[in-house]
Protein backbone atom coordinates (compact mmCIF):
# COMPACT_ATOMS: atom_id res chain seq x y z
CA MET A 1 0.00 0.00 0.00
CA LEU A 2 1.41 3.38 -0.99
CA PRO A 3 2.13 5.91 1.80
CA TYR A 4 -0.32 8.65 0.81
CA LYS A 5 -0.67 9.86 4.40
CA LYS A 6 3.05 10.68 4.43
CA SER A 7 2.80 12.53 1.10
CA VAL A 8 2.03 16.12 0.13
CA VAL A 9 1.59 17.72 -3.28
CA ILE A 10 2.84 21.30 -3.60
CA ILE A 11 1.27 23.47 -6.30
CA PRO A 12 2.28 27.12 -6.84
CA THR A 13 -0.48 29.22 -8.39
CA TYR A 14 -0.92 32.56 -10.07
CA ASN A 15 -4.24 33.31 -11.77
CA GLU A 16 -5.42 29.69 -11.82
CA SER A 17 -9.10 30.28 -10.97
CA GLU A 18 -10.13 28.31 -14.06
CA ASN A 19 -8.22 25.24 -12.90
CA ILE A 20 -7.85 25.26 -9.13
CA GLU A 21 -11.20 23.75 -8.12
CA LYS A 22 -10.91 20.99 -10.71
CA MET A 23 -7.35 20.17 -9.64
CA VAL A 24 -8.17 20.08 -5.93
CA THR A 25 -11.11 17.73 -6.48
CA ALA A 26 -9.16 15.55 -8.93
CA LEU A 27 -6.39 15.03 -6.37
CA LEU A 28 -8.23 14.86 -3.06
CA ASN A 29 -11.28 12.92 -4.24
CA GLU A 30 -9.04 10.29 -5.81
CA TYR A 31 -6.38 10.18 -3.05
CA SER A 32 -8.24 11.03 0.14
CA ASP A 33 -5.23 10.49 2.42
CA LEU A 34 -2.99 12.78 0.38
CA SER A 35 -2.26 16.33 1.55
CA LEU A 36 -2.24 19.29 -0.81
CA LEU A 37 -0.47 22.61 -0.29
CA ILE A 38 -1.33 25.56 -2.54
CA LEU A 39 1.10 28.48 -2.62
CA ASP A 40 -0.63 31.45 -4.19
CA ASP A 41 1.27 34.58 -5.19
CA GLY A 42 -1.55 37.07 -4.71
CA SER A 43 -3.56 36.05 -7.77
CA PRO A 44 -5.82 38.95 -8.77
CA ASP A 45 -8.35 36.48 -10.18
CA GLY A 46 -9.23 35.19 -6.69
CA THR A 47 -7.48 31.80 -6.79
CA ALA A 48 -6.66 31.94 -3.06
CA ASN A 49 -10.26 32.75 -2.14
CA LEU A 50 -11.46 29.67 -4.01
CA VAL A 51 -8.96 27.53 -2.09
CA LYS A 52 -10.15 29.00 1.23
CA LYS A 53 -13.72 28.01 0.40
CA MET A 54 -12.68 24.47 -0.50
CA GLN A 55 -10.77 24.08 2.77
CA GLN A 56 -14.16 23.77 4.49
CA SER A 57 -14.69 20.48 2.61
CA TYR A 58 -11.10 19.22 2.53
CA PRO A 59 -9.24 19.24 5.89
CA ASN A 60 -6.01 18.12 4.19
CA LEU A 61 -6.03 21.13 1.83
CA HIS A 62 -3.58 23.82 2.95
CA LEU A 63 -2.90 27.32 1.65
CA ILE A 64 -0.04 29.76 1.94
CA ASP A 65 -1.11 33.09 0.46
CA ARG A 66 2.10 34.99 -0.23
CA GLY A 67 0.29 38.17 -1.22
CA LYS A 68 2.33 39.09 -4.28
CA LYS A 69 4.21 37.51 -7.17
CA LEU A 70 7.56 36.33 -5.79
CA GLY A 71 8.58 33.64 -8.29
CA ILE A 72 8.17 29.90 -8.65
CA GLY A 73 11.55 29.07 -7.09
CA THR A 74 10.84 30.82 -3.81
CA ALA A 75 7.34 29.32 -3.83
CA TYR A 76 8.73 25.80 -3.97
CA ILE A 77 11.34 26.54 -1.29
CA THR A 78 8.59 27.86 0.98
CA GLY A 79 6.59 24.72 0.28
CA PHE A 80 9.55 22.40 0.86
CA LYS A 81 10.29 24.00 4.23
CA TRP A 82 6.62 23.70 5.22
CA ALA A 83 6.53 20.03 4.19
CA LEU A 84 9.69 19.15 6.13
CA LYS A 85 8.47 21.04 9.20
CA ASN A 86 5.21 19.08 9.08
CA GLY A 87 6.91 15.71 8.83
CA PHE A 88 6.07 14.60 5.29
CA GLU A 89 8.24 11.85 3.81
CA TYR A 90 7.32 12.30 0.15
CA ILE A 91 6.95 15.75 -1.38
CA PHE A 92 5.50 16.23 -4.85
CA GLU A 93 5.60 19.28 -7.04
CA MET A 94 3.27 19.70 -10.00
CA ASP A 95 1.44 22.31 -12.05
CA CYS A 96 -2.16 23.37 -11.59
CA ASP A 97 -3.07 23.47 -15.28
CA PHE A 98 -3.42 19.69 -15.86
CA SER A 99 -0.28 19.53 -17.97
CA HIS A 100 0.66 16.99 -15.29
CA SER A 101 -1.96 14.30 -14.79
CA PRO A 102 -3.13 13.48 -11.23
CA GLN A 103 -3.42 9.88 -12.40
CA ASP A 104 0.39 9.65 -12.49
CA ILE A 105 0.76 10.32 -8.75
CA PRO A 106 0.77 6.60 -7.77
CA ARG A 107 3.48 5.73 -10.32
CA LEU A 108 5.80 8.46 -9.05
CA LEU A 109 5.14 7.58 -5.42
CA GLU A 110 5.80 3.89 -6.07
CA ALA A 111 9.10 4.71 -7.78
CA ALA A 112 10.08 6.93 -4.82
CA GLN A 113 10.17 3.87 -2.59
CA ASN A 114 13.52 3.05 -4.23
CA ALA A 115 14.84 6.46 -5.26
CA ASP A 116 15.64 9.83 -3.70
CA LEU A 117 14.06 11.89 -6.49
CA VAL A 118 11.54 10.74 -9.10
CA ILE A 119 10.96 12.87 -12.19
CA GLY A 120 7.88 12.59 -14.35
CA SER A 121 9.81 12.61 -17.60
CA ARG A 122 8.63 13.90 -20.97
CA TYR A 123 11.70 12.51 -22.76
CA ILE A 124 12.63 9.15 -21.19
CA ASP A 125 10.39 7.23 -23.61
CA GLY A 126 10.88 9.28 -26.75
CA ILE A 127 8.99 12.59 -26.72
CA SER A 128 5.67 12.51 -24.86
CA ILE A 129 4.20 15.98 -25.23
CA VAL A 130 0.71 16.76 -26.54
CA ASN A 131 -0.30 19.99 -28.31
CA TRP A 132 2.96 21.92 -28.02
CA PRO A 133 4.02 24.05 -31.01
CA MET A 134 7.08 22.60 -32.74
CA LYS A 135 9.18 25.66 -31.88
CA ARG A 136 8.52 25.33 -28.16
CA LEU A 137 9.13 21.58 -28.26
CA LEU A 138 12.49 22.03 -29.96
CA LEU A 139 13.56 24.70 -27.47
CA SER A 140 12.74 22.47 -24.51
CA TYR A 141 14.19 19.27 -25.96
CA CYS A 142 17.41 20.90 -27.15
CA ALA A 143 17.83 22.62 -23.79
CA SER A 144 17.80 19.22 -22.08
CA ILE A 145 20.37 17.83 -24.52
CA TYR A 146 22.57 20.89 -23.99
CA THR A 147 22.33 20.54 -20.21
CA ARG A 148 23.32 16.88 -20.27
CA PHE A 149 26.25 17.61 -22.57
CA LEU A 150 27.63 20.46 -20.48
CA THR A 151 27.08 19.08 -16.99
CA GLY A 152 27.23 15.32 -17.45
CA ILE A 153 23.94 14.85 -15.61
CA ASN A 154 22.43 11.54 -16.66
CA ILE A 155 18.73 12.40 -16.77
CA LYS A 156 16.72 13.07 -19.91
CA ASP A 157 14.24 15.67 -18.65
CA THR A 158 16.28 18.27 -16.79
CA THR A 159 13.63 20.99 -16.55
CA GLY A 160 10.39 19.09 -15.95
CA GLY A 161 8.23 20.24 -13.03
CA PHE A 162 6.41 17.03 -12.06
CA LYS A 163 8.47 15.35 -9.34
CA CYS A 164 8.43 13.42 -6.11
CA PHE A 165 11.22 14.17 -3.63
CA THR A 166 11.97 12.11 -0.57
CA LYS A 167 12.53 13.85 2.75
CA LYS A 168 16.16 12.76 2.52
CA ALA A 169 16.65 14.51 -0.85
CA LEU A 170 15.17 17.80 0.33
CA GLU A 171 17.08 17.74 3.59
CA SER A 172 20.31 17.47 1.59
CA LEU A 173 19.68 20.84 -0.07
CA ALA A 174 20.94 24.14 1.30
CA PHE A 175 17.91 26.23 0.39
CA ASP A 176 19.74 29.49 1.04
CA LYS A 177 22.29 28.58 -1.65
CA ILE A 178 19.72 28.04 -4.41
CA ILE A 179 20.07 31.00 -6.76
CA SER A 180 17.42 30.24 -9.40
CA ASN A 181 13.91 31.63 -9.03
CA GLY A 182 12.42 30.97 -12.48
CA TYR A 183 12.00 27.71 -14.33
CA SER A 184 15.77 27.10 -14.11
CA PHE A 185 14.99 26.30 -10.47
CA GLN A 186 14.04 22.80 -11.62
CA LEU A 187 17.36 22.31 -13.35
CA GLU A 188 19.36 23.58 -10.36
CA VAL A 189 17.61 21.34 -7.83
CA ASN A 190 17.98 18.28 -10.07
CA TYR A 191 21.66 18.99 -10.59
CA LYS A 192 22.42 19.50 -6.90
CA ILE A 193 20.71 16.28 -5.89
CA TRP A 194 22.51 14.40 -8.68
CA ALA A 195 25.89 15.95 -7.71
CA LYS A 196 25.44 14.58 -4.19
CA GLY A 197 25.29 11.06 -5.60
CA MET A 198 21.65 10.48 -4.80
CA LYS A 199 19.48 8.15 -6.83
CA ILE A 200 17.29 9.82 -9.45
CA LYS A 201 14.70 7.85 -11.39
CA GLU A 202 12.68 9.01 -14.39
CA VAL A 203 9.16 7.73 -14.91
CA PRO A 204 7.59 8.34 -18.34
CA ILE A 205 4.57 10.64 -18.40
CA ILE A 206 2.52 12.32 -21.10
CA PHE A 207 2.73 16.10 -20.80
CA TYR A 208 -0.37 17.97 -21.97
CA GLU A 209 -0.52 21.63 -22.92
CA ARG A 210 -2.69 23.49 -20.41
CA ARG A 211 -6.45 23.20 -20.88
CA ASN A 212 -7.42 26.60 -19.47
CA GLY A 213 -5.68 29.88 -18.67
CA GLN A 214 -2.57 31.38 -20.17
CA SER A 215 0.81 29.68 -20.39
CA LYS A 216 3.60 31.30 -18.39
CA MET A 217 6.32 29.77 -20.59
CA ASP A 218 8.20 31.87 -23.13
CA LYS A 219 11.63 31.98 -24.77
CA SER A 220 13.15 34.00 -21.94
CA ILE A 221 12.44 31.14 -19.53
CA VAL A 222 14.33 28.67 -21.72
CA PHE A 223 17.29 31.02 -22.16
CA GLU A 224 17.33 31.63 -18.41
CA ALA A 225 17.71 27.87 -17.94
CA LEU A 226 20.52 27.74 -20.49
CA PHE A 227 22.43 30.46 -18.66
CA ALA A 228 21.90 28.66 -15.36
CA VAL A 229 23.75 25.62 -16.73
CA PHE A 230 26.97 27.65 -17.04
CA SER A 231 26.59 28.92 -13.48
CA LEU A 232 25.99 25.45 -12.03
CA ARG A 233 28.94 23.95 -13.87
CA LEU A 234 31.30 26.69 -12.71
CA ARG A 235 30.09 26.46 -9.13
CA LYS A 236 30.69 22.71 -9.10
CA VAL A 237 34.22 23.19 -10.50
CA PHE A 238 34.99 25.67 -7.73
CA GLY A 239 33.27 23.60 -5.04
CA ILE A 240 30.59 26.11 -4.12
CA LEU A 241 27.45 24.11 -4.89
């Protein structure tokens, strides 16, 4: 039996009113013992207010309303600290827009019984992405190839945001030394856990373009991740990871 009671899913949100209620019900109706933490960055569309209403029906639904847009990296760090403080053994991160399927939660959690970090991978089994424009797909895929070439990291999907960390993996990270705050945050955390010799496993998923709302991905995010690779490599060479 999978340890759902020891698991929490962390979802950062900004203007996700079209998705939040559907995501909460999809997760907590299916996995009633699972906990869910929403970190909202002051969404003007009322996302946090919708979560507060749903907390009356779901006692394992938690909210940290940060009041203003502070970045996805700091959101996850806030969530990780909260999860460790509250004694969770398995800590998920995923998006609110259904690009990551709630149905994949059991597969990642099962894999985490024998790994320190499990990544829901878009590239481990070929390319498993639905409805992305070719240009965006090429940018993402080539960025992962470039990262592997420059750093030597042996994972296929270096920037994916659907993961399950163990408590051990998160406790190994010095949160105050994480410098990325955009989508390169994913790359940096993966790299630091890998550099410590921990076991990383990739589980194939199908990544779907968001159903509702506006994508927050653009070229600048990809180029930010590319620049971060140089920084991580240099910091490892000089022993300041």
